PDB file of N, CA and C in Angstrom:
ATOM      1  N   UNK A   1     147.116 -64.080 -87.475  1.00  0.00           N
ATOM      2  CA  UNK A   1     148.186 -64.892 -88.028  1.00  0.00           C
ATOM      3  C   UNK A   1     149.039 -64.028 -88.942  1.00  0.00           C
ATOM      4  N   UNK A   2     148.987 -64.232 -90.226  1.00  0.00           N
ATOM      5  CA  UNK A   2     149.783 -63.434 -91.151  1.00  0.00           C
ATOM      6  C   UNK A   2     148.887 -62.882 -92.244  1.00  0.00           C
ATOM      7  N   UNK A   3     149.318 -61.759 -92.795  1.00  0.00           N
ATOM      8  CA  UNK A   3     148.534 -61.113 -93.836  1.00  0.00           C
ATOM      9  C   UNK A   3     148.817 -61.699 -95.207  1.00  0.00           C
ATOM     10  N   UNK A   4     150.025 -62.159 -95.428  1.00  0.00           N
ATOM     11  CA  UNK A   4     150.415 -62.736 -96.711  1.00  0.00           C
ATOM     12  C   UNK A   4     150.565 -64.239 -96.516  1.00  0.00           C
ATOM     13  N   UNK A   5     149.869 -65.056 -97.286  1.00  0.00           N
ATOM     14  CA  UNK A   5     150.019 -66.507 -97.120  1.00  0.00           C
ATOM     15  C   UNK A   5     151.430 -66.962 -97.455  1.00  0.00           C
ATOM     16  N   UNK A   6     151.887 -67.958 -96.722  1.00  0.00           N
ATOM     17  CA  UNK A   6     153.247 -68.449 -96.934  1.00  0.00           C
ATOM     18  C   UNK A   6     153.408 -69.146 -98.279  1.00  0.00           C
ATOM     19  N   UNK A   7     152.306 -69.655 -98.851  1.00  0.00           N
ATOM     20  CA  UNK A   7     152.408 -70.270-100.174  1.00  0.00           C
ATOM     21  C   UNK A   7     152.757 -69.221-101.230  1.00  0.00           C
ATOM     22  N   UNK A   8     152.236 -68.010-101.069  1.00  0.00           N
ATOM     23  CA  UNK A   8     152.586 -66.926-101.992  1.00  0.00           C
ATOM     24  C   UNK A   8     154.056 -66.553-101.855  1.00  0.00           C
ATOM     25  N   UNK A   9     154.555 -66.555-100.625  1.00  0.00           N
ATOM     26  CA  UNK A   9     155.958 -66.231-100.412  1.00  0.00           C
ATOM     27  C   UNK A   9     156.861 -67.328-100.981  1.00  0.00           C
ATOM     28  N   UNK A  10     156.429 -68.581-100.877  1.00  0.00           N
ATOM     29  CA  UNK A  10     157.176 -69.670-101.493  1.00  0.00           C
ATOM     30  C   UNK A  10     157.201 -69.535-103.006  1.00  0.00           C
ATOM     31  N   UNK A  11     156.075 -69.093-103.571  1.00  0.00           N
ATOM     32  CA  UNK A  11     156.012 -68.856-105.013  1.00  0.00           C
ATOM     33  C   UNK A  11     156.979 -67.755-105.413  1.00  0.00           C
ATOM     34  N   UNK A  12     157.051 -66.692-104.619  1.00  0.00           N
ATOM     35  CA  UNK A  12     157.983 -65.595-104.925  1.00  0.00           C
ATOM     36  C   UNK A  12     159.421 -66.073-104.857  1.00  0.00           C
ATOM     37  N   UNK A  13     159.742 -66.894-103.875  1.00  0.00           N
ATOM     38  CA  UNK A  13     161.099 -67.410-103.755  1.00  0.00           C
ATOM     39  C   UNK A  13     161.435 -68.316-104.928  1.00  0.00           C
ATOM     40  N   UNK A  14     160.499 -69.168-105.325  1.00  0.00           N
ATOM     41  CA  UNK A  14     160.753 -70.059-106.460  1.00  0.00           C
ATOM     42  C   UNK A  14     160.875 -69.273-107.770  1.00  0.00           C
ATOM     43  N   UNK A  15     160.098 -68.195-107.914  1.00  0.00           N
ATOM     44  CA  UNK A  15     160.202 -67.401-109.136  1.00  0.00           C
ATOM     45  C   UNK A  15     161.532 -66.665-109.212  1.00  0.00           C
ATOM     46  N   UNK A  16     162.073 -66.239-108.062  1.00  0.00           N
ATOM     47  CA  UNK A  16     163.393 -65.608-108.105  1.00  0.00           C
ATOM     48  C   UNK A  16     164.477 -66.626-108.407  1.00  0.00           C
ATOM     49  N   UNK A  17     164.323 -67.864-107.937  1.00  0.00           N
ATOM     50  CA  UNK A  17     165.288 -68.905-108.295  1.00  0.00           C
ATOM     51  C   UNK A  17     165.229 -69.197-109.785  1.00  0.00           C
ATOM     52  N   UNK A  18     164.034 -69.224-110.347  1.00  0.00           N
ATOM     53  CA  UNK A  18     163.877 -69.447-111.780  1.00  0.00           C
ATOM     54  C   UNK A  18     164.506 -68.306-112.573  1.00  0.00           C
ATOM     55  N   UNK A  19     164.361 -67.085-112.092  1.00  0.00           N
ATOM     56  CA  UNK A  19     164.983 -65.940-112.754  1.00  0.00           C
ATOM     57  C   UNK A  19     166.492 -66.057-112.727  1.00  0.00           C
ATOM     58  N   UNK A  20     167.042 -66.526-111.601  1.00  0.00           N
ATOM     59  CA  UNK A  20     168.494 -66.705-111.523  1.00  0.00           C
ATOM     60  C   UNK A  20     168.979 -67.738-112.528  1.00  0.00           C
ATOM     61  N   UNK A  21     168.202 -68.798-112.740  1.00  0.00           N
ATOM     62  CA  UNK A  21     168.602 -69.844-113.683  1.00  0.00           C
ATOM     63  C   UNK A  21     168.484 -69.356-115.118  1.00  0.00           C
ATOM     64  N   UNK A  22     167.416 -68.638-115.422  1.00  0.00           N
ATOM     65  CA  UNK A  22     167.187 -68.189-116.799  1.00  0.00           C
ATOM     66  C   UNK A  22     168.144 -67.066-117.182  1.00  0.00           C
ATOM     67  N   UNK A  23     168.345 -66.098-116.294  1.00  0.00           N
ATOM     68  CA  UNK A  23     169.150 -64.920-116.600  1.00  0.00           C
ATOM     69  C   UNK A  23     170.568 -65.042-116.059  1.00  0.00           C
ATOM     70  N   UNK A  24     171.182 -66.180-116.191  1.00  0.00           N
ATOM     71  CA  UNK A  24     172.505 -66.374-115.609  1.00  0.00           C
ATOM     72  C   UNK A  24     173.632 -65.819-116.464  1.00  0.00           C
ATOM     73  N   UNK A  25     173.334 -65.277-117.628  1.00  0.00           N
ATOM     74  CA  UNK A  25     174.397 -64.721-118.457  1.00  0.00           C
ATOM     75  C   UNK A  25     174.795 -63.324-117.991  1.00  0.00           C
ATOM     76  N   UNK A  26     173.879 -62.553-117.447  1.00  0.00           N
ATOM     77  CA  UNK A  26     174.177 -61.215-116.961  1.00  0.00           C
ATOM     78  C   UNK A  26     174.221 -61.228-115.441  1.00  0.00           C
ATOM     79  N   UNK A  27     175.289 -60.704-114.899  1.00  0.00           N
ATOM     80  CA  UNK A  27     175.468 -60.751-113.461  1.00  0.00           C
ATOM     81  C   UNK A  27     174.527 -59.781-112.739  1.00  0.00           C
ATOM     82  N   UNK A  28     174.103 -58.708-113.393  1.00  0.00           N
ATOM     83  CA  UNK A  28     173.198 -57.758-112.750  1.00  0.00           C
ATOM     84  C   UNK A  28     171.834 -58.391-112.488  1.00  0.00           C
ATOM     85  N   UNK A  29     171.315 -59.143-113.445  1.00  0.00           N
ATOM     86  CA  UNK A  29     170.026 -59.817-113.237  1.00  0.00           C
ATOM     87  C   UNK A  29     170.139 -60.880-112.160  1.00  0.00           C
ATOM     88  N   UNK A  30     171.275 -61.560-112.093  1.00  0.00           N
ATOM     89  CA  UNK A  30     171.485 -62.562-111.054  1.00  0.00           C
ATOM     90  C   UNK A  30     171.533 -61.907-109.686  1.00  0.00           C
ATOM     91  N   UNK A  31     172.201 -60.769-109.575  1.00  0.00           N
ATOM     92  CA  UNK A  31     172.257 -60.063-108.297  1.00  0.00           C
ATOM     93  C   UNK A  31     170.895 -59.541-107.864  1.00  0.00           C
ATOM     94  N   UNK A  32     170.112 -59.052-108.815  1.00  0.00           N
ATOM     95  CA  UNK A  32     168.764 -58.576-108.481  1.00  0.00           C
ATOM     96  C   UNK A  32     167.867 -59.718-108.021  1.00  0.00           C
ATOM     97  N   UNK A  33     167.972 -60.853-108.663  1.00  0.00           N
ATOM     98  CA  UNK A  33     167.183 -62.010-108.241  1.00  0.00           C
ATOM     99  C   UNK A  33     167.628 -62.505-106.870  1.00  0.00           C
ATOM    100  N   UNK A  34     168.924 -62.480-106.601  1.00  0.00           N
ATOM    101  CA  UNK A  34     169.420 -62.894-105.292  1.00  0.00           C
ATOM    102  C   UNK A  34     168.950 -61.947-104.196  1.00  0.00           C
ATOM    103  N   UNK A  35     168.924 -60.668-104.488  1.00  0.00           N
ATOM    104  CA  UNK A  35     168.435 -59.691-103.505  1.00  0.00           C
ATOM    105  C   UNK A  35     166.935 -59.867-103.261  1.00  0.00           C
ATOM    106  N   UNK A  36     166.177 -60.158-104.300  1.00  0.00           N
ATOM    107  CA  UNK A  36     164.750 -60.414-104.120  1.00  0.00           C
ATOM    108  C   UNK A  36     164.512 -61.662-103.276  1.00  0.00           C
ATOM    109  N   UNK A  37     165.360 -62.678-103.469  1.00  0.00           N
ATOM    110  CA  UNK A  37     165.221 -63.893-102.671  1.00  0.00           C
ATOM    111  C   UNK A  37     165.523 -63.623-101.197  1.00  0.00           C
ATOM    112  N   UNK A  38     166.544 -62.809-100.934  1.00  0.00           N
ATOM    113  CA  UNK A  38     166.882 -62.468 -99.545  1.00  0.00           C
ATOM    114  C   UNK A  38     165.718 -61.695 -98.907  1.00  0.00           C
ATOM    115  N   UNK A  39     165.135 -60.768 -99.639  1.00  0.00           N
ATOM    116  CA  UNK A  39     164.015 -60.003 -99.087  1.00  0.00           C
ATOM    117  C   UNK A  39     162.782 -60.878 -98.870  1.00  0.00           C
ATOM    118  N   UNK A  40     162.546 -61.842 -99.759  1.00  0.00           N
ATOM    119  CA  UNK A  40     161.435 -62.778 -99.556  1.00  0.00           C
ATOM    120  C   UNK A  40     161.645 -63.628 -98.318  1.00  0.00           C
ATOM    121  N   UNK A  41     162.863 -64.104 -98.123  1.00  0.00           N
ATOM    122  CA  UNK A  41     163.155 -64.888 -96.931  1.00  0.00           C
ATOM    123  C   UNK A  41     163.041 -64.049 -95.670  1.00  0.00           C
ATOM    124  N   UNK A  42     163.375 -62.775 -95.761  1.00  0.00           N
ATOM    125  CA  UNK A  42     163.227 -61.874 -94.629  1.00  0.00           C
ATOM    126  C   UNK A  42     161.755 -61.687 -94.271  1.00  0.00           C
ATOM    127  N   UNK A  43     160.912 -61.539 -95.274  1.00  0.00           N
ATOM    128  CA  UNK A  43     159.476 -61.387 -95.018  1.00  0.00           C
ATOM    129  C   UNK A  43     158.889 -62.670 -94.450  1.00  0.00           C
ATOM    130  N   UNK A  44     159.348 -63.817 -94.942  1.00  0.00           N
ATOM    131  CA  UNK A  44     158.891 -65.096 -94.380  1.00  0.00           C
ATOM    132  C   UNK A  44     159.294 -65.206 -92.913  1.00  0.00           C
ATOM    133  N   UNK A  45     160.513 -64.796 -92.601  1.00  0.00           N
ATOM    134  CA  UNK A  45     160.960 -64.843 -91.202  1.00  0.00           C
ATOM    135  C   UNK A  45     160.168 -63.886 -90.330  1.00  0.00           C
ATOM    136  N   UNK A  46     159.802 -62.743 -90.876  1.00  0.00           N
ATOM    137  CA  UNK A  46     158.996 -61.790 -90.107  1.00  0.00           C
ATOM    138  C   UNK A  46     157.594 -62.324 -89.831  1.00  0.00           C
ATOM    139  N   UNK A  47     157.000 -62.953 -90.828  1.00  0.00           N
ATOM    140  CA  UNK A  47     155.616 -63.401 -90.679  1.00  0.00           C
ATOM    141  C   UNK A  47     155.494 -64.697 -89.891  1.00  0.00           C
ATOM    142  N   UNK A  48     156.493 -65.548 -89.969  1.00  0.00           N
ATOM    143  CA  UNK A  48     156.362 -66.846 -89.311  1.00  0.00           C
ATOM    144  C   UNK A  48     156.750 -66.804 -87.846  1.00  0.00           C
ATOM    145  N   UNK A  49     157.594 -65.864 -87.453  1.00  0.00           N
ATOM    146  CA  UNK A  49     157.993 -65.813 -86.049  1.00  0.00           C
ATOM    147  C   UNK A  49     157.055 -64.909 -85.268  1.00  0.00           C
ATOM    148  N   UNK A  50     157.031 -65.114 -83.970  1.00  0.00           N
ATOM    149  CA  UNK A  50     156.228 -64.241 -83.129  1.00  0.00           C
ATOM    150  C   UNK A  50     156.998 -62.943 -82.929  1.00  0.00           C
ATOM    151  N   UNK A  51     156.367 -61.853 -83.190  1.00  0.00           N
ATOM    152  CA  UNK A  51     157.046 -60.569 -83.146  1.00  0.00           C
ATOM    153  C   UNK A  51     157.222 -60.044 -81.729  1.00  0.00           C
ATOM    154  N   UNK A  52     156.742 -60.758 -80.727  1.00  0.00           N
ATOM    155  CA  UNK A  52     156.838 -60.261 -79.361  1.00  0.00           C
ATOM    156  C   UNK A  52     158.199 -60.514 -78.738  1.00  0.00           C
ATOM    157  N   UNK A  53     158.971 -61.423 -79.291  1.00  0.00           N
ATOM    158  CA  UNK A  53     160.260 -61.725 -78.687  1.00  0.00           C
ATOM    159  C   UNK A  53     161.354 -60.873 -79.302  1.00  0.00           C
ATOM    160  N   UNK A  54     162.294 -60.504 -78.492  1.00  0.00           N
ATOM    161  CA  UNK A  54     163.419 -59.701 -78.965  1.00  0.00           C
ATOM    162  C   UNK A  54     164.397 -60.544 -79.791  1.00  0.00           C
ATOM    163  N   UNK A  55     164.410 -61.845 -79.555  1.00  0.00           N
ATOM    164  CA  UNK A  55     165.312 -62.714 -80.297  1.00  0.00           C
ATOM    165  C   UNK A  55     164.943 -62.767 -81.770  1.00  0.00           C
ATOM    166  N   UNK A  56     163.652 -62.837 -82.068  1.00  0.00           N
ATOM    167  CA  UNK A  56     163.241 -62.880 -83.473  1.00  0.00           C
ATOM    168  C   UNK A  56     163.506 -61.554 -84.165  1.00  0.00           C
ATOM    169  N   UNK A  57     163.318 -60.448 -83.462  1.00  0.00           N
ATOM    170  CA  UNK A  57     163.628 -59.148 -84.070  1.00  0.00           C
ATOM    171  C   UNK A  57     165.129 -59.000 -84.311  1.00  0.00           C
ATOM    172  N   UNK A  58     165.931 -59.515 -83.386  1.00  0.00           N
ATOM    173  CA  UNK A  58     167.382 -59.473 -83.553  1.00  0.00           C
ATOM    174  C   UNK A  58     167.803 -60.318 -84.746  1.00  0.00           C
ATOM    175  N   UNK A  59     167.188 -61.478 -84.924  1.00  0.00           N
ATOM    176  CA  UNK A  59     167.495 -62.342 -86.061  1.00  0.00           C
ATOM    177  C   UNK A  59     167.131 -61.669 -87.379  1.00  0.00           C
ATOM    178  N   UNK A  60     165.999 -60.993 -87.409  1.00  0.00           N
ATOM    179  CA  UNK A  60     165.583 -60.298 -88.629  1.00  0.00           C
ATOM    180  C   UNK A  60     166.548 -59.160 -88.950  1.00  0.00           C
ATOM    181  N   UNK A  61     167.011 -58.447 -87.935  1.00  0.00           N
ATOM    182  CA  UNK A  61     167.969 -57.367 -88.181  1.00  0.00           C
ATOM    183  C   UNK A  61     169.310 -57.908 -88.692  1.00  0.00           C
ATOM    184  N   UNK A  62     169.730 -59.051 -88.184  1.00  0.00           N
ATOM    185  CA  UNK A  62     170.966 -59.665 -88.681  1.00  0.00           C
ATOM    186  C   UNK A  62     170.796 -60.099 -90.133  1.00  0.00           C
ATOM    187  N   UNK A  63     169.645 -60.678 -90.468  1.00  0.00           N
ATOM    188  CA  UNK A  63     169.401 -61.089 -91.857  1.00  0.00           C
ATOM    189  C   UNK A  63     169.369 -59.885 -92.789  1.00  0.00           C
ATOM    190  N   UNK A  64     168.779 -58.793 -92.334  1.00  0.00           N
ATOM    191  CA  UNK A  64     168.717 -57.583 -93.153  1.00  0.00           C
ATOM    192  C   UNK A  64     170.111 -56.990 -93.355  1.00  0.00           C
ATOM    193  N   UNK A  65     170.941 -57.044 -92.329  1.00  0.00           N
ATOM    194  CA  UNK A  65     172.309 -56.542 -92.438  1.00  0.00           C
ATOM    195  C   UNK A  65     173.124 -57.378 -93.412  1.00  0.00           C
ATOM    196  N   UNK A  66     172.987 -58.710 -93.330  1.00  0.00           N
ATOM    197  CA  UNK A  66     173.701 -59.567 -94.272  1.00  0.00           C
ATOM    198  C   UNK A  66     173.216 -59.354 -95.699  1.00  0.00           C
ATOM    199  N   UNK A  67     171.931 -59.096 -95.869  1.00  0.00           N
ATOM    200  CA  UNK A  67     171.409 -58.810 -97.205  1.00  0.00           C
ATOM    201  C   UNK A  67     171.982 -57.530 -97.776  1.00  0.00           C
ATOM    202  N   UNK A  68     172.132 -56.496 -96.944  1.00  0.00           N
ATOM    203  CA  UNK A  68     172.707 -55.233 -97.406  1.00  0.00           C
ATOM    204  C   UNK A  68     174.188 -55.398 -97.737  1.00  0.00           C
ATOM    205  N   UNK A  69     174.899 -56.170 -96.920  1.00  0.00           N
ATOM    206  CA  UNK A  69     176.323 -56.421 -97.200  1.00  0.00           C
ATOM    207  C   UNK A  69     176.503 -57.220 -98.479  1.00  0.00           C
ATOM    208  N   UNK A  70     175.618 -58.176 -98.703  1.00  0.00           N
ATOM    209  CA  UNK A  70     175.680 -58.975 -99.931  1.00  0.00           C
ATOM    210  C   UNK A  70     175.425 -58.105-101.152  1.00  0.00           C
ATOM    211  N   UNK A  71     174.491 -57.174-101.041  1.00  0.00           N
ATOM    212  CA  UNK A  71     174.195 -56.283-102.169  1.00  0.00           C
ATOM    213  C   UNK A  71     175.370 -55.354-102.451  1.00  0.00           C
ATOM    214  N   UNK A  72     175.991 -54.835-101.412  1.00  0.00           N
ATOM    215  CA  UNK A  72     177.133 -53.939-101.603  1.00  0.00           C
ATOM    216  C   UNK A  72     178.311 -54.675-102.230  1.00  0.00           C
ATOM    217  N   UNK A  73     178.564 -55.887-101.772  1.00  0.00           N
ATOM    218  CA  UNK A  73     179.663 -56.669-102.327  1.00  0.00           C
ATOM    219  C   UNK A  73     179.395 -57.056-103.778  1.00  0.00           C
ATOM    220  N   UNK A  74     178.165 -57.407-104.070  1.00  0.00           N
ATOM    221  CA  UNK A  74     177.805 -57.757-105.441  1.00  0.00           C
ATOM    222  C   UNK A  74     177.930 -56.575-106.387  1.00  0.00           C
ATOM    223  N   UNK A  75     177.505 -55.393-105.938  1.00  0.00           N
ATOM    224  CA  UNK A  75     177.633 -54.216-106.794  1.00  0.00           C
ATOM    225  C   UNK A  75     179.088 -53.810-106.983  1.00  0.00           C
ATOM    226  N   UNK A  76     179.902 -53.989-105.953  1.00  0.00           N
ATOM    227  CA  UNK A  76     181.330 -53.697-106.107  1.00  0.00           C
ATOM    228  C   UNK A  76     181.968 -54.638-107.127  1.00  0.00           C
ATOM    229  N   UNK A  77     181.607 -55.910-107.070  1.00  0.00           N
ATOM    230  CA  UNK A  77     182.118 -56.872-108.063  1.00  0.00           C
ATOM    231  C   UNK A  77     181.605 -56.544-109.460  1.00  0.00           C
ATOM    232  N   UNK A  78     180.364 -56.080-109.549  1.00  0.00           N
ATOM    233  CA  UNK A  78     179.810 -55.707-110.851  1.00  0.00           C
ATOM    234  C   UNK A  78     180.554 -54.515-111.440  1.00  0.00           C
ATOM    235  N   UNK A  79     180.862 -53.512-110.623  1.00  0.00           N
ATOM    236  CA  UNK A  79     181.595 -52.342-111.110  1.00  0.00           C
ATOM    237  C   UNK A  79     182.996 -52.736-111.554  1.00  0.00           C
ATOM    238  N   UNK A  80     183.668 -53.569-110.779  1.00  0.00           N
ATOM    239  CA  UNK A  80     185.021 -54.020-111.157  1.00  0.00           C
ATOM    240  C   UNK A  80     184.994 -54.816-112.454  1.00  0.00           C
ATOM    241  N   UNK A  81     183.989 -55.662-112.593  1.00  0.00           N
ATOM    242  CA  UNK A  81     183.874 -56.485-113.790  1.00  0.00           C
ATOM    243  C   UNK A  81     183.557 -55.623-115.016  1.00  0.00           C
ATOM    244  N   UNK A  82     182.713 -54.628-114.847  1.00  0.00           N
ATOM    245  CA  UNK A  82     182.364 -53.755-115.965  1.00  0.00           C
ATOM    246  C   UNK A  82     183.561 -52.918-116.392  1.00  0.00           C
ATOM    247  N   UNK A  83     184.335 -52.450-115.420  1.00  0.00           N
ATOM    248  CA  UNK A  83     185.528 -51.678-115.772  1.00  0.00           C
ATOM    249  C   UNK A  83     186.598 -52.544-116.424  1.00  0.00           C
ATOM    250  N   UNK A  84     186.704 -53.788-115.987  1.00  0.00           N
ATOM    251  CA  UNK A  84     187.753 -54.653-116.531  1.00  0.00           C
ATOM    252  C   UNK A  84     187.393 -55.201-117.909  1.00  0.00           C
ATOM    253  N   UNK A  85     186.140 -55.601-118.104  1.00  0.00           N
ATOM    254  CA  UNK A  85     185.758 -56.294-119.344  1.00  0.00           C
ATOM    255  C   UNK A  85     184.850 -55.485-120.255  1.00  0.00           C
ATOM    256  N   UNK A  86     184.263 -54.402-119.764  1.00  0.00           N
ATOM    257  CA  UNK A  86     183.420 -53.567-120.599  1.00  0.00           C
ATOM    258  C   UNK A  86     181.960 -53.959-120.621  1.00  0.00           C
ATOM    259  N   UNK A  87     181.583 -55.083-120.014  1.00  0.00           N
ATOM    260  CA  UNK A  87     180.180 -55.496-119.952  1.00  0.00           C
ATOM    261  C   UNK A  87     179.987 -56.359-118.711  1.00  0.00           C
ATOM    262  N   UNK A  88     178.746 -56.784-118.503  1.00  0.00           N
ATOM    263  CA  UNK A  88     178.468 -57.610-117.325  1.00  0.00           C
ATOM    264  C   UNK A  88     178.151 -59.051-117.697  1.00  0.00           C
ATOM    265  N   UNK A  89     178.580 -59.476-118.867  1.00  0.00           N
ATOM    266  CA  UNK A  89     178.388 -60.868-119.261  1.00  0.00           C
ATOM    267  C   UNK A  89     179.341 -61.766-118.492  1.00  0.00           C
ATOM    268  N   UNK A  90     178.807 -62.812-117.927  1.00  0.00           N
ATOM    269  CA  UNK A  90     179.634 -63.738-117.167  1.00  0.00           C
ATOM    270  C   UNK A  90     180.563 -64.506-118.100  1.00  0.00           C
ATOM    271  N   UNK A  91     180.133 -64.752-119.327  1.00  0.00           N
ATOM    272  CA  UNK A  91     180.959 -65.529-120.257  1.00  0.00           C
ATOM    273  C   UNK A  91     182.192 -64.765-120.725  1.00  0.00           C
ATOM    274  N   UNK A  92     182.221 -63.442-120.607  1.00  0.00           N
ATOM    275  CA  UNK A  92     183.381 -62.682-121.062  1.00  0.00           C
ATOM    276  C   UNK A  92     184.491 -62.654-120.010  1.00  0.00           C
ATOM    277  N   UNK A  93     184.194 -63.070-118.804  1.00  0.00           N
ATOM    278  CA  UNK A  93     185.218 -63.062-117.765  1.00  0.00           C
ATOM    279  C   UNK A  93     185.785 -64.470-117.604  1.00  0.00           C
ATOM    280  N   UNK A  94     186.903 -64.554-116.947  1.00  0.00           N
ATOM    281  CA  UNK A  94     187.504 -65.839-116.624  1.00  0.00           C
ATOM    282  C   UNK A  94     188.043 -65.741-115.201  1.00  0.00           C
ATOM    283  N   UNK A  95     188.133 -66.869-114.532  1.00  0.00           N
ATOM    284  CA  UNK A  95     188.431 -66.904-113.103  1.00  0.00           C
ATOM    285  C   UNK A  95     189.856 -66.480-112.765  1.00  0.00           C
ATOM    286  N   UNK A  96     190.787 -66.646-113.655  1.00  0.00           N
ATOM    287  CA  UNK A  96     192.171 -66.311-113.320  1.00  0.00           C
ATOM    288  C   UNK A  96     192.423 -64.819-113.254  1.00  0.00           C
ATOM    289  N   UNK A  97     191.489 -63.999-113.724  1.00  0.00           N
ATOM    290  CA  UNK A  97     191.692 -62.560-113.712  1.00  0.00           C
ATOM    291  C   UNK A  97     191.268 -61.909-112.408  1.00  0.00           C
ATOM    292  N   UNK A  98     190.532 -62.604-111.588  1.00  0.00           N
ATOM    293  CA  UNK A  98     190.040 -62.011-110.331  1.00  0.00           C
ATOM    294  C   UNK A  98     191.086 -61.982-109.256  1.00  0.00           C
TER     295      UNK A  98
END
């Protein structure tokens, strides 16, 4: 079956959601928690699907690609925000400046 129980993976996903809620003032911590959640969901998809089909492997590769694109976009926004405002606090930015 699987080496890692799915209840543990659910716990990891819930803990990353809790981290996103608690650390919502800094965008870097939010991005790290979001990336951890994507990787947890990727591991759940790997363990729950049968690895013999090419469709499940293709789905996992698409999820991994979207996770990498999300990380690159988030880091680009973080760099722009740090250059514009001098820090990564969400409260120091405002929506009309983007």
